[in-house]
Amino acid sequence: MKKLLILLSLVSICTLANAADEPSPAALAGSNGCLICHNASQKLVGPAFKAIAEKYQGQADAQKTLVNKVRNGGAGSWGKIPMPAHPEATEAHLNTIVAWILKGSPS
C-alpha cells in the first residue's frame, strides 16, 4: 500500500510539472503568428478575438470550424483579405488557441 501511495504521488508531481511547462494560450497565439494580424479587442488586419467570440457564440461546431479555418486559411468570412493557412501549428495548440479566443481571450 505504501509503495502504491508513493507511486501515485510521483505520478501526480510529474503531471503537475508537465502542466506548468505548457505555454499560455496567449503565448501560443503569439508564437503561432496570430497576434501579427489579430488583437484581443481591436480589428487589425483580421478581426478582434472579441468579435470572433461574439460571432461564433452559441454555435455547437465553433471550435471545430475555427480550428479548420486557422489550419487551412481562407477568405470571405471577415472581408477581402485572406487569412493564411497555418499547417505547421499542432492540433493541440490550435485547439488551445481557439478555445481561448472563444472564451473572449482572457488575460
N, C-alpha and C. Protein backbone atom coordinates (compact mmCIF):
# COMPACT_ATOMS: atom_id res chain seq x y z
N MET A 1 0.82 -1.19 0.00
CA MET A 1 0.00 0.00 0.00
C MET A 1 0.87 1.27 0.00
N LYS A 2 1.93 1.22 0.80
CA LYS A 2 2.83 2.37 0.89
C LYS A 2 3.50 2.64 -0.46
N LYS A 3 3.89 1.57 -1.16
CA LYS A 3 4.51 1.72 -2.48
C LYS A 3 3.54 2.34 -3.48
N LEU A 4 2.28 1.94 -3.38
CA LEU A 4 1.26 2.49 -4.27
C LEU A 4 1.08 3.98 -4.03
N LEU A 5 1.05 4.39 -2.78
CA LEU A 5 0.91 5.82 -2.47
C LEU A 5 2.11 6.62 -2.97
N ILE A 6 3.29 6.07 -2.82
CA ILE A 6 4.49 6.74 -3.32
C ILE A 6 4.44 6.86 -4.83
N LEU A 7 4.04 5.79 -5.50
CA LEU A 7 3.92 5.81 -6.96
C LEU A 7 2.90 6.85 -7.42
N LEU A 8 1.74 6.87 -6.78
CA LEU A 8 0.71 7.85 -7.15
C LEU A 8 1.19 9.28 -6.90
N SER A 9 1.93 9.48 -5.83
CA SER A 9 2.48 10.81 -5.55
C SER A 9 3.45 11.25 -6.63
N LEU A 10 4.31 10.34 -7.04
CA LEU A 10 5.28 10.67 -8.10
C LEU A 10 4.59 10.98 -9.42
N VAL A 11 3.58 10.20 -9.75
CA VAL A 11 2.83 10.45 -10.99
C VAL A 11 2.17 11.82 -10.93
N SER A 12 1.59 12.16 -9.79
CA SER A 12 0.94 13.46 -9.63
C SER A 12 1.93 14.60 -9.78
N ILE A 13 3.08 14.46 -9.17
CA ILE A 13 4.11 15.50 -9.26
C ILE A 13 4.57 15.68 -10.70
N CYS A 14 4.80 14.58 -11.40
CA CYS A 14 5.23 14.65 -12.80
C CYS A 14 4.16 15.30 -13.67
N THR A 15 2.91 14.97 -13.41
CA THR A 15 1.81 15.55 -14.18
C THR A 15 1.75 17.06 -13.95
N LEU A 16 1.88 17.48 -12.71
CA LEU A 16 1.86 18.92 -12.40
C LEU A 16 3.04 19.63 -13.03
N ALA A 17 4.19 19.00 -13.03
CA ALA A 17 5.38 19.61 -13.63
C ALA A 17 5.18 19.80 -15.13
N ASN A 18 4.60 18.83 -15.80
CA ASN A 18 4.34 18.95 -17.23
C ASN A 18 3.31 20.02 -17.52
N ALA A 19 2.28 20.12 -16.68
CA ALA A 19 1.25 21.14 -16.89
C ALA A 19 1.84 22.53 -16.74
N ALA A 20 2.78 22.69 -15.82
CA ALA A 20 3.40 24.00 -15.61
C ALA A 20 4.26 24.41 -16.80
N ASP A 21 4.74 23.45 -17.57
CA ASP A 21 5.58 23.74 -18.73
C ASP A 21 4.78 24.16 -19.96
N GLU A 22 3.47 23.95 -19.94
CA GLU A 22 2.64 24.30 -21.09
C GLU A 22 2.55 25.82 -21.22
N PRO A 23 2.77 26.36 -22.40
CA PRO A 23 2.65 27.81 -22.59
C PRO A 23 1.19 28.24 -22.48
N SER A 24 0.99 29.48 -22.11
CA SER A 24 -0.37 30.01 -22.01
C SER A 24 -0.98 30.13 -23.41
N PRO A 25 -2.31 30.18 -23.49
CA PRO A 25 -2.94 30.38 -24.81
C PRO A 25 -2.47 31.66 -25.49
N ALA A 26 -2.27 32.72 -24.72
CA ALA A 26 -1.80 33.98 -25.30
C ALA A 26 -0.39 33.81 -25.88
N ALA A 27 0.46 33.08 -25.16
CA ALA A 27 1.81 32.83 -25.67
C ALA A 27 1.77 31.98 -26.93
N LEU A 28 0.87 31.00 -26.97
CA LEU A 28 0.72 30.18 -28.17
C LEU A 28 0.23 31.02 -29.34
N ALA A 29 -0.70 31.93 -29.08
CA ALA A 29 -1.19 32.82 -30.14
C ALA A 29 -0.05 33.66 -30.69
N GLY A 30 0.83 34.11 -29.81
CA GLY A 30 1.98 34.89 -30.26
C GLY A 30 2.97 34.06 -31.05
N SER A 31 3.29 32.88 -30.55
CA SER A 31 4.31 32.06 -31.21
C SER A 31 3.81 31.44 -32.51
N ASN A 32 2.50 31.38 -32.70
CA ASN A 32 1.94 30.84 -33.94
C ASN A 32 1.55 31.93 -34.93
N GLY A 33 1.89 33.18 -34.63
CA GLY A 33 1.69 34.27 -35.57
C GLY A 33 0.32 34.92 -35.55
N CYS A 34 -0.55 34.51 -34.64
CA CYS A 34 -1.91 35.06 -34.61
C CYS A 34 -1.91 36.57 -34.32
N LEU A 35 -1.00 36.99 -33.44
CA LEU A 35 -1.00 38.38 -33.00
C LEU A 35 -0.42 39.34 -34.03
N ILE A 36 0.06 38.82 -35.13
CA ILE A 36 0.51 39.69 -36.22
C ILE A 36 -0.70 40.38 -36.85
N CYS A 37 -1.79 39.65 -36.97
CA CYS A 37 -2.98 40.18 -37.65
C CYS A 37 -4.18 40.39 -36.73
N HIS A 38 -4.14 39.83 -35.52
CA HIS A 38 -5.28 39.91 -34.61
C HIS A 38 -4.88 40.54 -33.29
N ASN A 39 -5.89 41.04 -32.60
CA ASN A 39 -5.75 41.69 -31.31
C ASN A 39 -6.95 41.24 -30.48
N ALA A 40 -6.86 41.33 -29.18
CA ALA A 40 -7.97 40.90 -28.33
C ALA A 40 -9.23 41.74 -28.55
N SER A 41 -9.08 43.04 -28.69
CA SER A 41 -10.27 43.89 -28.71
C SER A 41 -10.41 44.82 -29.92
N GLN A 42 -9.39 44.95 -30.75
CA GLN A 42 -9.46 45.85 -31.90
C GLN A 42 -9.14 45.12 -33.19
N LYS A 43 -9.83 45.50 -34.25
CA LYS A 43 -9.54 44.94 -35.57
C LYS A 43 -8.19 45.46 -36.03
N LEU A 44 -7.35 44.57 -36.48
CA LEU A 44 -6.09 44.94 -37.12
C LEU A 44 -6.25 44.55 -38.59
N VAL A 45 -5.45 43.64 -39.09
CA VAL A 45 -5.65 43.09 -40.43
C VAL A 45 -6.85 42.16 -40.39
N GLY A 46 -6.91 41.35 -39.35
CA GLY A 46 -8.03 40.44 -39.13
C GLY A 46 -8.90 40.94 -38.00
N PRO A 47 -10.01 40.27 -37.77
CA PRO A 47 -10.94 40.71 -36.72
C PRO A 47 -10.35 40.55 -35.32
N ALA A 48 -10.89 41.32 -34.39
CA ALA A 48 -10.51 41.18 -32.99
C ALA A 48 -10.99 39.83 -32.47
N PHE A 49 -10.26 39.26 -31.54
CA PHE A 49 -10.68 38.00 -30.95
C PHE A 49 -12.07 38.13 -30.32
N LYS A 50 -12.35 39.28 -29.74
CA LYS A 50 -13.66 39.52 -29.12
C LYS A 50 -14.77 39.40 -30.17
N ALA A 51 -14.55 39.96 -31.35
CA ALA A 51 -15.55 39.89 -32.42
C ALA A 51 -15.74 38.44 -32.90
N ILE A 52 -14.65 37.70 -32.94
CA ILE A 52 -14.74 36.28 -33.34
C ILE A 52 -15.57 35.52 -32.31
N ALA A 53 -15.29 35.75 -31.03
CA ALA A 53 -16.04 35.07 -29.96
C ALA A 53 -17.52 35.40 -30.06
N GLU A 54 -17.84 36.67 -30.31
CA GLU A 54 -19.24 37.08 -30.42
C GLU A 54 -19.93 36.43 -31.62
N LYS A 55 -19.23 36.38 -32.75
CA LYS A 55 -19.82 35.81 -33.97
C LYS A 55 -20.15 34.33 -33.80
N TYR A 56 -19.28 33.61 -33.11
CA TYR A 56 -19.44 32.16 -33.00
C TYR A 56 -20.10 31.72 -31.69
N GLN A 57 -20.50 32.67 -30.86
CA GLN A 57 -21.12 32.34 -29.57
C GLN A 57 -22.37 31.47 -29.78
N GLY A 58 -22.44 30.39 -29.05
CA GLY A 58 -23.60 29.51 -29.10
C GLY A 58 -23.62 28.51 -30.24
N GLN A 59 -22.63 28.56 -31.12
CA GLN A 59 -22.58 27.61 -32.24
C GLN A 59 -21.86 26.34 -31.78
N ALA A 60 -22.55 25.24 -31.88
CA ALA A 60 -22.02 23.97 -31.38
C ALA A 60 -20.73 23.55 -32.08
N ASP A 61 -20.59 23.89 -33.33
CA ASP A 61 -19.41 23.46 -34.10
C ASP A 61 -18.34 24.55 -34.20
N ALA A 62 -18.42 25.58 -33.38
CA ALA A 62 -17.50 26.71 -33.48
C ALA A 62 -16.04 26.29 -33.32
N GLN A 63 -15.75 25.47 -32.34
CA GLN A 63 -14.37 25.04 -32.08
C GLN A 63 -13.80 24.35 -33.32
N LYS A 64 -14.52 23.37 -33.83
CA LYS A 64 -14.05 22.61 -34.99
C LYS A 64 -13.93 23.51 -36.22
N THR A 65 -14.92 24.35 -36.44
CA THR A 65 -14.92 25.26 -37.60
C THR A 65 -13.71 26.17 -37.58
N LEU A 66 -13.44 26.77 -36.43
CA LEU A 66 -12.33 27.72 -36.34
C LEU A 66 -10.96 27.03 -36.38
N VAL A 67 -10.84 25.87 -35.80
CA VAL A 67 -9.57 25.13 -35.90
C VAL A 67 -9.28 24.85 -37.37
N ASN A 68 -10.29 24.40 -38.11
CA ASN A 68 -10.09 24.14 -39.54
C ASN A 68 -9.76 25.41 -40.31
N LYS A 69 -10.42 26.52 -39.96
CA LYS A 69 -10.17 27.80 -40.63
C LYS A 69 -8.74 28.27 -40.39
N VAL A 70 -8.27 28.14 -39.16
CA VAL A 70 -6.91 28.57 -38.85
C VAL A 70 -5.89 27.66 -39.54
N ARG A 71 -6.13 26.38 -39.51
CA ARG A 71 -5.19 25.43 -40.13
C ARG A 71 -5.12 25.63 -41.64
N ASN A 72 -6.28 25.79 -42.30
CA ASN A 72 -6.34 25.82 -43.76
C ASN A 72 -6.38 27.22 -44.36
N GLY A 73 -6.64 28.25 -43.54
CA GLY A 73 -6.76 29.61 -44.05
C GLY A 73 -8.07 29.79 -44.81
N GLY A 74 -8.22 30.95 -45.41
CA GLY A 74 -9.43 31.20 -46.19
C GLY A 74 -9.76 32.67 -46.24
N ALA A 75 -10.80 32.97 -46.99
CA ALA A 75 -11.23 34.36 -47.17
C ALA A 75 -12.74 34.41 -47.19
N GLY A 76 -13.26 35.62 -47.03
CA GLY A 76 -14.69 35.84 -47.18
C GLY A 76 -15.46 35.93 -45.88
N SER A 77 -14.93 35.44 -44.79
CA SER A 77 -15.66 35.48 -43.53
C SER A 77 -15.62 36.87 -42.89
N TRP A 78 -14.52 37.59 -43.09
CA TRP A 78 -14.32 38.87 -42.42
C TRP A 78 -13.84 39.95 -43.39
N GLY A 79 -14.05 39.78 -44.64
CA GLY A 79 -13.59 40.78 -45.61
C GLY A 79 -12.79 40.14 -46.72
N LYS A 80 -12.12 40.97 -47.48
CA LYS A 80 -11.43 40.51 -48.68
C LYS A 80 -10.04 39.94 -48.42
N ILE A 81 -9.40 40.34 -47.34
CA ILE A 81 -8.03 39.89 -47.08
C ILE A 81 -8.08 38.46 -46.53
N PRO A 82 -7.45 37.52 -47.22
CA PRO A 82 -7.49 36.13 -46.76
C PRO A 82 -6.58 35.88 -45.57
N MET A 83 -7.01 34.96 -44.73
CA MET A 83 -6.14 34.52 -43.64
C MET A 83 -5.25 33.41 -44.18
N PRO A 84 -3.94 33.51 -43.98
CA PRO A 84 -3.06 32.45 -44.47
C PRO A 84 -3.25 31.16 -43.67
N ALA A 85 -2.94 30.06 -44.29
CA ALA A 85 -3.00 28.76 -43.62
C ALA A 85 -1.87 28.65 -42.60
N HIS A 86 -2.10 27.86 -41.58
CA HIS A 86 -1.09 27.62 -40.55
C HIS A 86 -0.92 26.11 -40.36
N PRO A 87 -0.45 25.41 -41.39
CA PRO A 87 -0.34 23.95 -41.30
C PRO A 87 0.72 23.47 -40.31
N GLU A 88 1.63 24.35 -39.94
CA GLU A 88 2.70 23.96 -39.01
C GLU A 88 2.23 23.92 -37.56
N ALA A 89 1.10 24.55 -37.27
CA ALA A 89 0.58 24.57 -35.90
C ALA A 89 0.06 23.19 -35.53
N THR A 90 0.35 22.76 -34.32
CA THR A 90 -0.12 21.44 -33.89
C THR A 90 -1.61 21.49 -33.59
N GLU A 91 -2.24 20.35 -33.68
CA GLU A 91 -3.67 20.23 -33.38
C GLU A 91 -3.96 20.68 -31.94
N ALA A 92 -3.11 20.27 -31.02
CA ALA A 92 -3.29 20.65 -29.61
C ALA A 92 -3.19 22.16 -29.43
N HIS A 93 -2.21 22.78 -30.07
CA HIS A 93 -2.06 24.23 -29.95
C HIS A 93 -3.23 24.96 -30.59
N LEU A 94 -3.66 24.50 -31.76
CA LEU A 94 -4.81 25.13 -32.41
C LEU A 94 -6.05 25.04 -31.52
N ASN A 95 -6.28 23.89 -30.93
CA ASN A 95 -7.45 23.74 -30.06
C ASN A 95 -7.36 24.64 -28.83
N THR A 96 -6.17 24.77 -28.27
CA THR A 96 -5.98 25.65 -27.11
C THR A 96 -6.22 27.10 -27.48
N ILE A 97 -5.66 27.54 -28.59
CA ILE A 97 -5.81 28.93 -29.04
C ILE A 97 -7.26 29.24 -29.34
N VAL A 98 -7.92 28.38 -30.10
CA VAL A 98 -9.31 28.62 -30.49
C VAL A 98 -10.22 28.62 -29.26
N ALA A 99 -10.03 27.70 -28.34
CA ALA A 99 -10.84 27.69 -27.11
C ALA A 99 -10.67 28.99 -26.34
N TRP A 100 -9.45 29.49 -26.29
CA TRP A 100 -9.15 30.75 -25.60
C TRP A 100 -9.85 31.92 -26.31
N ILE A 101 -9.80 31.95 -27.63
CA ILE A 101 -10.47 33.00 -28.39
C ILE A 101 -11.97 32.96 -28.13
N LEU A 102 -12.55 31.77 -28.17
CA LEU A 102 -13.99 31.64 -27.97
C LEU A 102 -14.43 32.02 -26.56
N LYS A 103 -13.51 31.97 -25.60
CA LYS A 103 -13.81 32.41 -24.23
C LYS A 103 -13.63 33.91 -24.07
N GLY A 104 -13.28 34.60 -25.14
CA GLY A 104 -13.08 36.04 -25.07
C GLY A 104 -11.64 36.44 -24.87
N SER A 105 -10.71 35.52 -25.07
CA SER A 105 -9.27 35.73 -24.93
C SER A 105 -8.90 36.44 -23.63
N PRO A 106 -9.29 35.84 -22.49
CA PRO A 106 -8.96 36.48 -21.21
C PRO A 106 -7.46 36.51 -20.96
N SER A 107 -7.02 37.50 -20.20
CA SER A 107 -5.59 37.65 -19.89
C SER A 107 -5.12 36.56 -18.97
